[in-house]
Protein backbone atom coordinates (compact mmCIF):
# COMPACT_ATOMS: atom_id res chain seq x y z
CA MET A 1 12.91 -24.42 100.80
CA PRO A 2 16.09 -24.17 98.67
CA PRO A 3 15.78 -25.22 95.03
CA LEU A 4 16.63 -28.78 94.15
CA ASP A 5 20.14 -28.82 92.70
CA ASP A 6 22.79 -31.46 92.13
CA ILE A 7 25.60 -28.88 92.39
CA PRO A 8 26.75 -28.13 95.97
CA GLN A 9 26.28 -24.48 96.92
CA ALA A 10 29.96 -24.10 97.67
CA ALA A 11 31.06 -25.28 94.24
CA ARG A 12 28.30 -23.72 92.10
CA ASP A 13 30.26 -20.56 91.08
CA LEU A 14 33.64 -22.19 90.74
CA PRO A 15 35.02 -22.77 87.21
CA LEU A 16 35.19 -26.31 86.00
CA TYR A 17 38.93 -25.96 85.43
CA PRO A 18 41.20 -23.38 86.95
CA PRO A 19 42.55 -20.72 84.56
CA GLY A 20 46.13 -20.32 83.49
CA PRO A 21 48.85 -22.93 83.38
CA GLU A 22 47.06 -25.12 85.84
CA GLN A 23 44.56 -26.18 83.06
CA PRO A 24 44.91 -29.84 82.08
CA PRO A 25 47.32 -30.30 79.12
CA TRP A 26 44.71 -32.21 77.08
CA LEU A 27 42.32 -29.24 77.32
CA ARG A 28 44.99 -26.85 75.98
CA ARG A 29 45.68 -29.22 73.07
CA THR A 30 41.96 -29.47 72.26
CA ARG A 31 41.58 -25.71 72.08
CA LEU A 32 44.68 -25.37 69.87
CA LEU A 33 43.34 -28.08 67.53
CA ARG A 34 40.01 -26.25 67.22
CA ARG A 35 41.79 -23.05 66.20
CA VAL A 36 43.82 -24.88 63.55
CA ILE A 37 40.70 -26.55 62.14
CA GLY A 38 38.82 -23.23 62.09
CA LEU A 39 41.62 -21.45 60.22
CA THR A 40 41.88 -24.34 57.73
CA LEU A 41 38.14 -24.28 56.97
CA LEU A 42 38.26 -20.51 56.50
CA ALA A 43 41.13 -20.84 54.01
CA LEU A 44 39.30 -23.57 52.09
CA ALA A 45 36.16 -21.44 51.89
CA ALA A 46 38.13 -18.48 50.54
CA GLY A 47 39.85 -20.68 47.95
CA GLY A 48 36.52 -22.13 46.86
CA LEU A 49 35.06 -18.67 46.38
CA VAL A 50 38.03 -17.64 44.19
CA ALA A 51 37.77 -20.83 42.10
CA TRP A 52 34.01 -20.33 41.59
CA TYR A 53 34.56 -16.70 40.61
CA GLN A 54 37.17 -17.73 37.99
CA THR A 55 35.14 -20.66 36.65
CA THR A 56 31.96 -18.68 36.09
CA ARG A 57 33.97 -15.90 34.36
CA TYR A 58 31.93 -13.18 36.01
CA SER A 59 33.21 -9.70 35.38
CA ALA A 60 33.81 -7.37 38.26
CA THR A 61 30.67 -5.49 37.29
CA GLU A 62 28.54 -8.63 37.29
CA PHE A 63 30.02 -9.83 40.56
CA THR A 64 29.38 -6.57 42.39
CA GLN A 65 26.03 -5.72 40.78
CA PRO A 66 23.86 -7.17 43.63
CA PHE A 67 25.77 -4.99 46.08
CA GLU A 68 25.52 -1.92 43.82
CA THR A 69 21.76 -2.41 43.83
CA MET A 70 21.75 -1.70 47.53
CA VAL A 71 24.18 1.22 47.27
CA ASN A 72 23.21 2.77 43.91
CA PRO A 73 19.90 1.43 42.48
CA ALA A 74 19.87 4.07 39.73
CA ALA A 75 23.04 2.69 38.14
CA VAL A 76 21.59 -0.81 37.90
CA ALA A 77 18.30 0.50 36.53
CA GLY A 78 20.24 2.29 33.79
CA ALA A 79 22.03 -0.92 32.82
CA GLU A 80 18.74 -2.82 32.66
CA SER A 81 17.31 -0.08 30.42
CA GLU A 82 20.25 -0.48 28.01
CA ASN A 83 19.79 -4.26 27.96
CA GLN A 84 16.09 -3.86 27.13
CA THR A 85 16.96 -1.48 24.29
CA ASP A 86 19.35 -4.07 22.86
CA LEU A 87 16.67 -6.74 23.14
CA ASP A 88 14.10 -4.58 21.36
CA ARG A 89 16.57 -3.87 18.57
CA ALA A 90 17.30 -7.59 18.16
CA VAL A 91 13.60 -8.41 17.91
CA GLN A 92 13.15 -5.76 15.23
CA LEU A 93 16.00 -7.23 13.18
CA ALA A 94 14.91 -10.87 13.58
CA PRO A 95 13.81 -12.48 10.28
CA SER A 96 10.51 -13.66 11.76
CA SER A 97 9.56 -10.06 12.56
CA ARG A 98 10.26 -8.62 9.09
CA ARG A 99 7.32 -7.19 7.18
CA LEU A 100 7.02 -5.62 3.77
CA LEU A 101 3.93 -3.85 2.44
CA GLY A 102 1.75 -5.58 5.02
CA HIS A 103 3.17 -9.06 4.41
CA ARG A 104 5.36 -11.09 6.74
CA ALA A 105 8.59 -12.86 5.75
CA PHE A 106 8.46 -16.68 5.71
CA GLU A 107 10.94 -19.47 5.21
CA GLU A 108 10.52 -21.57 2.09
CA ALA A 109 9.16 -25.12 2.41
CA PRO A 110 11.76 -27.90 2.13
CA ALA A 111 11.41 -29.66 -1.24
CA GLU A 112 11.47 -33.12 0.36
CA ASP A 113 8.30 -32.36 2.36
CA LEU A 114 6.18 -31.29 -0.65
CA VAL A 115 3.68 -33.79 -2.05
CA PRO A 116 1.27 -33.47 -5.02
CA LEU A 117 -2.49 -33.28 -4.57
CA SER A 118 -4.55 -36.09 -6.07
CA ALA A 119 -6.85 -33.71 -7.99
CA ASN A 120 -3.93 -31.94 -9.66
CA GLY A 121 -0.42 -33.35 -9.49
CA SER A 122 1.16 -30.03 -10.41
CA ILE A 123 -0.09 -28.49 -7.17
CA ARG A 124 1.95 -29.41 -4.10
CA LEU A 125 1.60 -28.80 -0.36
CA ARG A 126 3.56 -29.89 2.67
CA SER A 127 2.73 -33.46 3.61
CA ALA A 128 0.64 -32.59 6.69
CA ALA A 129 -1.30 -29.88 4.83
CA ALA A 130 -1.82 -32.15 1.81
CA ALA A 131 -3.17 -35.02 3.92
CA GLN A 132 -5.68 -32.77 5.62
CA TYR A 133 -6.66 -31.13 2.36
CA GLU A 134 -7.47 -34.54 0.85
CA ALA A 135 -9.65 -35.35 3.87
CA MET A 136 -11.37 -31.96 3.63
CA SER A 137 -11.98 -32.37 -0.11
CA GLN A 138 -13.58 -35.79 0.44
CA ALA A 139 -15.82 -34.44 3.21
CA ALA A 140 -16.91 -31.57 0.94
CA ALA A 141 -17.71 -34.01 -1.87
CA GLN A 142 -19.90 -36.04 0.47
CA ALA A 143 -21.77 -32.81 1.24
CA GLY A 144 -22.24 -32.12 -2.50
CA MET A 145 -19.37 -29.58 -2.85
CA ARG A 146 -16.50 -30.03 -5.27
CA LEU A 147 -13.45 -28.07 -4.18
CA VAL A 148 -10.88 -27.25 -6.84
CA PRO A 149 -7.25 -26.58 -5.86
CA LEU A 150 -6.02 -23.66 -7.99
CA SER A 151 -2.60 -23.00 -6.52
CA GLY A 152 -0.43 -24.39 -3.76
CA TYR A 153 3.29 -24.13 -3.14
CA ARG A 154 5.09 -21.45 -5.18
CA SER A 155 8.83 -20.91 -5.01
CA GLN A 156 10.20 -17.46 -4.35
CA ALA A 157 11.30 -17.26 -7.99
CA GLU A 158 7.74 -18.02 -9.15
CA GLN A 159 6.36 -15.45 -6.71
CA GLU A 160 8.79 -12.87 -8.02
CA ALA A 161 7.43 -13.35 -11.56
CA VAL A 162 3.83 -13.17 -10.30
CA PHE A 163 4.44 -10.00 -8.32
CA PHE A 164 6.62 -7.94 -10.65
CA SER A 165 5.28 -9.10 -14.03
CA LEU A 166 1.66 -8.47 -13.14
CA LYS A 167 2.55 -5.19 -11.44
CA ALA A 168 4.17 -3.93 -14.63
CA GLU A 169 1.48 -5.39 -16.88
CA ARG A 170 -1.31 -3.70 -14.94
CA GLY A 171 0.53 -0.48 -14.27
CA GLN A 172 0.29 -0.91 -10.49
CA ASP A 173 2.65 0.54 -7.95
CA ALA A 174 4.16 -1.80 -5.36
CA THR A 175 1.71 -0.83 -2.60
CA THR A 176 -1.34 -1.44 -4.80
CA ARG A 177 0.02 -4.76 -6.06
CA ALA A 178 0.78 -5.90 -2.49
CA GLU A 179 -2.92 -5.63 -1.66
CA VAL A 180 -3.58 -8.70 -3.82
CA SER A 181 -0.19 -10.42 -4.09
CA ALA A 182 2.71 -10.73 -1.67
CA PRO A 183 6.24 -9.72 -2.66
CA PRO A 184 8.70 -12.60 -3.18
CA GLY A 185 9.92 -13.92 0.17
CA TYR A 186 6.74 -12.73 1.89
CA SER A 187 4.13 -15.06 0.39
CA GLU A 188 2.32 -17.73 2.37
CA HIS A 189 2.43 -19.88 -0.76
CA HIS A 190 6.13 -20.64 -0.50
CA THR A 191 5.62 -22.02 3.04
CA GLY A 192 3.81 -24.99 1.45
CA TYR A 193 0.85 -24.47 3.79
CA ALA A 194 -1.33 -22.15 1.64
CA VAL A 195 -3.78 -23.22 -1.05
CA ASP A 196 -6.11 -21.27 -3.34
CA LEU A 197 -9.49 -22.96 -3.69
CA GLY A 198 -12.41 -22.68 -6.09
CA ASP A 199 -15.86 -24.16 -6.68
CA SER A 200 -15.85 -26.58 -9.64
CA ASN A 201 -19.47 -25.70 -10.36
CA GLN A 202 -18.73 -21.95 -10.60
CA ALA A 203 -15.44 -21.54 -12.45
CA GLY A 204 -16.17 -17.89 -13.14
CA THR A 205 -15.66 -17.10 -9.47
CA HIS A 206 -12.14 -18.51 -9.31
CA LEU A 207 -9.67 -16.13 -7.65
CA THR A 208 -12.27 -13.37 -7.36
CA SER A 209 -14.22 -11.95 -4.46
CA ASP A 210 -17.34 -13.56 -6.00
CA PHE A 211 -16.13 -16.88 -4.62
CA ALA A 212 -17.48 -15.68 -1.26
CA ASP A 213 -21.00 -16.13 -2.67
CA THR A 214 -20.58 -19.79 -3.63
CA PRO A 215 -21.81 -22.85 -1.72
CA ALA A 216 -18.21 -24.10 -1.58
CA TYR A 217 -17.09 -21.01 0.34
CA ALA A 218 -20.04 -21.28 2.72
CA TRP A 219 -19.09 -24.90 3.39
CA LEU A 220 -15.44 -23.93 4.01
CA GLU A 221 -16.42 -21.20 6.45
CA THR A 222 -18.19 -23.79 8.59
CA ASN A 223 -16.02 -26.88 8.12
CA ALA A 224 -12.44 -25.92 7.18
CA VAL A 225 -11.44 -25.52 10.83
CA ARG A 226 -12.13 -29.23 11.42
CA PHE A 227 -9.24 -29.99 9.05
CA GLY A 228 -6.84 -27.35 10.37
CA TYR A 229 -7.50 -24.74 7.66
CA GLU A 230 -8.36 -21.08 8.10
CA LEU A 231 -8.92 -18.06 5.87
CA SER A 232 -5.68 -16.09 5.53
CA PHE A 233 -7.09 -12.70 4.58
CA PRO A 234 -10.64 -12.09 5.82
CA SER A 235 -12.39 -8.76 5.35
CA ASP A 236 -10.75 -5.83 7.13
CA ASN A 237 -7.69 -7.84 8.15
CA PHE A 238 -5.01 -6.03 10.14
CA GLN A 239 -2.41 -6.49 7.36
CA GLY A 240 -4.34 -4.32 4.95
CA VAL A 241 -4.48 -7.08 2.32
CA ALA A 242 -7.59 -7.25 0.15
CA PHE A 243 -10.23 -9.82 1.11
CA GLU A 244 -9.28 -13.15 -0.51
CA PRO A 245 -12.04 -15.72 0.05
CA TRP A 246 -10.13 -18.28 -2.04
CA HIS A 247 -6.87 -18.16 -0.04
CA TRP A 248 -6.70 -20.69 2.83
CA ARG A 249 -3.80 -21.82 4.98
CA PHE A 250 -3.12 -24.89 7.09
CA VAL A 251 -2.45 -24.30 10.80
CA GLY A 252 -3.23 -27.81 12.02
CA ASP A 253 0.10 -28.83 13.51
CA ARG A 254 2.79 -27.24 15.65
CA THR A 255 5.13 -26.26 12.81
CA SER A 256 2.44 -24.59 10.72
CA LEU A 257 1.00 -22.79 13.75
CA GLU A 258 4.41 -21.41 14.69
CA THR A 259 4.99 -20.38 11.07
CA PHE A 260 2.04 -18.00 11.05
CA TYR A 261 1.56 -17.03 14.70
CA SER A 262 4.97 -16.83 16.34
CA ASP A 263 6.23 -13.30 17.05
């Protein structure tokens, strides 16, 4: 049985319209219009590509780099290696990455953000650090410990006097002095986040390693973290600075954390 088909067998292989000049005029016009539209779209696409190329300001090298990757991968790899070298050099020269004698460079605290501590108005910290210190001091008092603030913010000029005067007075070279005091511009004290603490009941231990044997230090080791404070220079620290049980820094908000931990 022949297949069902709506097209008569005699007409199945005949073209819908005869070729040549016998084609209907409207069909010839339609085909011509399609060609014109196609050429117009192609021209617009080419113009758009040129405009995009000029607007983005790509160099010839940048524009052809994806194609060079396919043709010459080694050339592109060499360019990437040069870019990485430039990046490494920039990181090394960045202020945040500078170190001197084991100490890191820090920006000085803005004067408008420094507030005095209630126990000693001559000692100032940044507002966030001061507020948390006051809370920590009250908590310590409730536990029977009386913390004494010994030093807070120091300007770079003050740090310069501390570093160079004491170095000369004690006959220390710069490396030896840096083990117990940072050079000016590299001290945590001028960030406004660092504070030196003592035990009011054991004044003889102030600013000495003996402070580590006091009840106040034991309390700080357990509780300071609750107020955003941490010991800056524990034993065997990677900076090579001498153990300073009295030196604590505030890292309890985003700005302070970035100050001490950003690369």
